[in-house]
Amino acid sequence: MASPVPSAGRIVPLVNEPNDVESHDEMTPEQKRRDQLLSAPGAVESDAAPRIEVSRHDGLTRIDIAPSAEVRPGNPYEPVAEDG
């Protein structure tokens, strides 16, 4: 009876050249984030869109929710306050 799992001698690599695939360690944090967000079944390009904006002023870091973010923190039943 044949084994349902191929033996190690029959596994063929899908990539012919080692340089064809970028190592996870060589990726930037942005590339790693995009790779992780698009790896889910049914993922689309908009899933990897930035959701926050980071700015640095006078040694302080400010993190804001991006205006284009489809999902926002907070109570979904309260109206969104306009900045300004």
N, C-alpha and C. Protein backbone atom coordinates (compact mmCIF):
# COMPACT_ATOMS: atom_id res chain seq x y z
N MET A 1 0.84 -1.18 0.00
CA MET A 1 0.00 0.00 0.00
C MET A 1 0.89 1.24 0.00
N ALA A 2 0.60 2.18 -0.86
CA ALA A 2 1.42 3.39 -0.99
C ALA A 2 1.09 4.37 0.13
N SER A 3 2.12 5.06 0.59
CA SER A 3 1.96 6.07 1.63
C SER A 3 1.34 7.33 1.03
N PRO A 4 0.38 7.98 1.71
CA PRO A 4 -0.24 9.20 1.19
C PRO A 4 0.73 10.39 1.18
N VAL A 5 1.80 10.32 1.97
CA VAL A 5 2.78 11.40 2.04
C VAL A 5 3.97 11.03 1.16
N PRO A 6 4.40 11.92 0.24
CA PRO A 6 5.54 11.58 -0.60
C PRO A 6 6.80 11.42 0.23
N SER A 7 7.66 10.54 -0.20
CA SER A 7 8.92 10.35 0.52
C SER A 7 9.82 11.54 0.25
N ALA A 8 10.80 11.74 1.10
CA ALA A 8 11.70 12.87 0.98
C ALA A 8 12.45 12.85 -0.34
N GLY A 9 12.69 11.70 -0.89
CA GLY A 9 13.40 11.59 -2.15
C GLY A 9 12.56 12.05 -3.34
N ARG A 10 11.26 12.17 -3.20
CA ARG A 10 10.39 12.55 -4.30
C ARG A 10 9.91 13.99 -4.23
N ILE A 11 10.27 14.74 -3.18
CA ILE A 11 9.85 16.13 -3.06
C ILE A 11 10.71 16.98 -3.99
N VAL A 12 10.07 17.77 -4.82
CA VAL A 12 10.77 18.62 -5.77
C VAL A 12 10.58 20.06 -5.36
N PRO A 13 11.66 20.83 -5.24
CA PRO A 13 11.49 22.23 -4.85
C PRO A 13 10.73 23.00 -5.93
N LEU A 14 9.90 23.95 -5.50
CA LEU A 14 9.11 24.74 -6.44
C LEU A 14 9.92 25.89 -7.03
N VAL A 15 11.02 26.25 -6.41
CA VAL A 15 11.85 27.35 -6.88
C VAL A 15 13.17 26.75 -7.35
N ASN A 16 13.56 27.08 -8.56
CA ASN A 16 14.78 26.51 -9.12
C ASN A 16 16.04 27.20 -8.60
N GLU A 17 16.00 28.48 -8.44
CA GLU A 17 17.17 29.23 -8.01
C GLU A 17 16.94 29.77 -6.59
N PRO A 18 17.91 29.65 -5.70
CA PRO A 18 17.72 30.18 -4.35
C PRO A 18 17.54 31.69 -4.33
N ASN A 19 18.03 32.39 -5.33
CA ASN A 19 17.90 33.85 -5.37
C ASN A 19 16.53 34.29 -5.86
N ASP A 20 15.68 33.36 -6.31
CA ASP A 20 14.36 33.71 -6.81
C ASP A 20 13.41 34.12 -5.69
N VAL A 21 13.67 33.70 -4.47
CA VAL A 21 12.79 33.98 -3.34
C VAL A 21 13.57 34.78 -2.31
N GLU A 22 12.96 35.88 -1.88
CA GLU A 22 13.60 36.72 -0.87
C GLU A 22 13.37 36.09 0.51
N SER A 23 14.43 35.96 1.28
CA SER A 23 14.34 35.39 2.62
C SER A 23 13.51 36.31 3.51
N HIS A 24 12.78 35.71 4.44
CA HIS A 24 11.97 36.50 5.38
C HIS A 24 12.86 37.45 6.18
N ASP A 25 14.11 37.03 6.46
CA ASP A 25 15.03 37.87 7.22
C ASP A 25 15.51 39.07 6.41
N GLU A 26 15.47 38.99 5.08
CA GLU A 26 15.94 40.07 4.23
C GLU A 26 14.84 41.09 3.92
N MET A 27 13.62 40.82 4.34
CA MET A 27 12.50 41.70 4.04
C MET A 27 12.45 42.87 5.03
N THR A 28 11.98 44.01 4.55
CA THR A 28 11.78 45.16 5.44
C THR A 28 10.53 44.91 6.28
N PRO A 29 10.36 45.63 7.37
CA PRO A 29 9.13 45.46 8.17
C PRO A 29 7.86 45.70 7.35
N GLU A 30 7.89 46.65 6.42
CA GLU A 30 6.73 46.92 5.58
C GLU A 30 6.43 45.73 4.66
N GLN A 31 7.51 45.12 4.11
CA GLN A 31 7.33 43.95 3.25
C GLN A 31 6.79 42.76 4.04
N LYS A 32 7.28 42.58 5.25
CA LYS A 32 6.79 41.48 6.10
C LYS A 32 5.32 41.66 6.43
N ARG A 33 4.92 42.90 6.76
CA ARG A 33 3.53 43.20 7.09
C ARG A 33 2.63 42.90 5.89
N ARG A 34 3.04 43.39 4.71
CA ARG A 34 2.25 43.17 3.49
C ARG A 34 2.15 41.68 3.18
N ASP A 35 3.26 40.97 3.30
CA ASP A 35 3.30 39.54 3.03
C ASP A 35 2.35 38.79 3.96
N GLN A 36 2.36 39.15 5.23
CA GLN A 36 1.49 38.48 6.20
C GLN A 36 0.01 38.79 5.94
N LEU A 37 -0.31 40.04 5.64
CA LEU A 37 -1.70 40.42 5.42
C LEU A 37 -2.28 39.84 4.14
N LEU A 38 -1.44 39.60 3.14
CA LEU A 38 -1.94 39.06 1.87
C LEU A 38 -1.85 37.54 1.80
N SER A 39 -1.35 36.89 2.85
CA SER A 39 -1.20 35.43 2.81
C SER A 39 -2.48 34.69 3.19
N ALA A 40 -3.46 35.39 3.74
CA ALA A 40 -4.71 34.74 4.14
C ALA A 40 -5.54 34.37 2.90
N PRO A 41 -6.29 33.29 2.98
CA PRO A 41 -7.15 32.94 1.85
C PRO A 41 -8.16 34.06 1.59
N GLY A 42 -8.32 34.42 0.34
CA GLY A 42 -9.27 35.46 -0.03
C GLY A 42 -8.78 36.88 0.20
N ALA A 43 -7.53 37.05 0.59
CA ALA A 43 -6.99 38.38 0.84
C ALA A 43 -6.90 39.16 -0.47
N VAL A 44 -7.15 40.45 -0.39
CA VAL A 44 -7.04 41.34 -1.54
C VAL A 44 -6.05 42.45 -1.23
N GLU A 45 -5.61 43.15 -2.25
CA GLU A 45 -4.57 44.17 -2.09
C GLU A 45 -4.95 45.23 -1.06
N SER A 46 -6.22 45.59 -0.99
CA SER A 46 -6.63 46.63 -0.03
C SER A 46 -6.45 46.18 1.43
N ASP A 47 -6.34 44.88 1.67
CA ASP A 47 -6.10 44.39 3.03
C ASP A 47 -4.75 44.84 3.56
N ALA A 48 -3.81 45.12 2.67
CA ALA A 48 -2.47 45.52 3.08
C ALA A 48 -2.30 47.04 3.10
N ALA A 49 -3.37 47.78 2.85
CA ALA A 49 -3.28 49.24 2.86
C ALA A 49 -2.94 49.73 4.26
N PRO A 50 -2.13 50.79 4.36
CA PRO A 50 -1.78 51.33 5.69
C PRO A 50 -3.03 51.78 6.45
N ARG A 51 -3.05 51.54 7.75
CA ARG A 51 -4.19 51.92 8.57
C ARG A 51 -3.85 53.01 9.57
N ILE A 52 -2.55 53.31 9.70
CA ILE A 52 -2.12 54.35 10.62
C ILE A 52 -1.15 55.28 9.92
N GLU A 53 -1.00 56.49 10.48
CA GLU A 53 -0.01 57.45 10.03
C GLU A 53 0.86 57.80 11.23
N VAL A 54 2.17 57.70 11.07
CA VAL A 54 3.10 57.98 12.16
C VAL A 54 3.87 59.23 11.80
N SER A 55 3.92 60.19 12.73
CA SER A 55 4.72 61.41 12.52
C SER A 55 5.55 61.65 13.77
N ARG A 56 6.71 62.26 13.57
CA ARG A 56 7.61 62.55 14.68
C ARG A 56 7.93 64.05 14.67
N HIS A 57 7.72 64.71 15.82
CA HIS A 57 7.96 66.14 15.95
C HIS A 57 8.58 66.42 17.30
N ASP A 58 9.71 67.10 17.31
CA ASP A 58 10.37 67.51 18.55
C ASP A 58 10.59 66.34 19.52
N GLY A 59 10.98 65.19 18.99
CA GLY A 59 11.26 64.03 19.81
C GLY A 59 10.04 63.25 20.25
N LEU A 60 8.86 63.67 19.82
CA LEU A 60 7.62 62.97 20.16
C LEU A 60 7.10 62.22 18.95
N THR A 61 6.47 61.08 19.18
CA THR A 61 5.89 60.28 18.10
C THR A 61 4.38 60.33 18.23
N ARG A 62 3.72 60.67 17.11
CA ARG A 62 2.25 60.71 17.09
C ARG A 62 1.77 59.65 16.12
N ILE A 63 0.78 58.85 16.57
CA ILE A 63 0.18 57.81 15.74
C ILE A 63 -1.29 58.14 15.57
N ASP A 64 -1.71 58.32 14.32
CA ASP A 64 -3.11 58.63 14.00
C ASP A 64 -3.68 57.54 13.12
N ILE A 65 -4.98 57.34 13.22
CA ILE A 65 -5.68 56.43 12.32
C ILE A 65 -5.75 57.10 10.96
N ALA A 66 -5.36 56.39 9.92
CA ALA A 66 -5.38 56.93 8.56
C ALA A 66 -6.82 57.24 8.14
N PRO A 67 -7.04 58.36 7.46
CA PRO A 67 -8.39 58.69 7.00
C PRO A 67 -8.97 57.61 6.08
N SER A 68 -8.10 56.90 5.38
CA SER A 68 -8.55 55.87 4.43
C SER A 68 -8.81 54.52 5.08
N ALA A 69 -8.55 54.39 6.39
CA ALA A 69 -8.73 53.10 7.07
C ALA A 69 -10.20 52.72 7.10
N GLU A 70 -10.51 51.52 6.62
CA GLU A 70 -11.90 51.05 6.60
C GLU A 70 -12.37 50.63 7.98
N VAL A 71 -11.46 50.16 8.81
CA VAL A 71 -11.80 49.71 10.15
C VAL A 71 -11.15 50.68 11.14
N ARG A 72 -11.94 51.18 12.07
CA ARG A 72 -11.45 52.16 13.03
C ARG A 72 -11.76 51.68 14.45
N PRO A 73 -10.90 52.01 15.41
CA PRO A 73 -11.18 51.63 16.80
C PRO A 73 -12.30 52.48 17.37
N GLY A 74 -12.93 51.98 18.39
CA GLY A 74 -13.97 52.75 19.06
C GLY A 74 -15.34 52.13 18.91
N ASN A 75 -16.32 52.83 19.44
CA ASN A 75 -17.71 52.37 19.42
C ASN A 75 -18.29 52.56 18.01
N PRO A 76 -18.72 51.50 17.36
CA PRO A 76 -19.23 51.64 16.00
C PRO A 76 -20.57 52.36 15.91
N TYR A 77 -21.23 52.58 17.04
CA TYR A 77 -22.54 53.22 17.04
C TYR A 77 -22.46 54.73 17.29
N GLU A 78 -21.27 55.23 17.66
CA GLU A 78 -21.09 56.66 17.87
C GLU A 78 -20.62 57.31 16.58
N PRO A 79 -21.07 58.53 16.27
CA PRO A 79 -20.59 59.21 15.08
C PRO A 79 -19.10 59.55 15.22
N VAL A 80 -18.41 59.56 14.10
CA VAL A 80 -16.98 59.88 14.08
C VAL A 80 -16.80 61.38 14.21
N ALA A 81 -15.98 61.81 15.17
CA ALA A 81 -15.71 63.23 15.35
C ALA A 81 -14.79 63.71 14.24
N GLU A 82 -15.10 64.84 13.67
CA GLU A 82 -14.27 65.43 12.62
C GLU A 82 -13.10 66.17 13.25
N ASP A 83 -11.89 65.98 12.72
CA ASP A 83 -10.71 66.72 13.20
C ASP A 83 -10.76 68.13 12.60
N GLY A 84 -10.30 69.08 13.38
CA GLY A 84 -10.19 70.36 12.75
C GLY A 84 -10.46 71.46 13.62
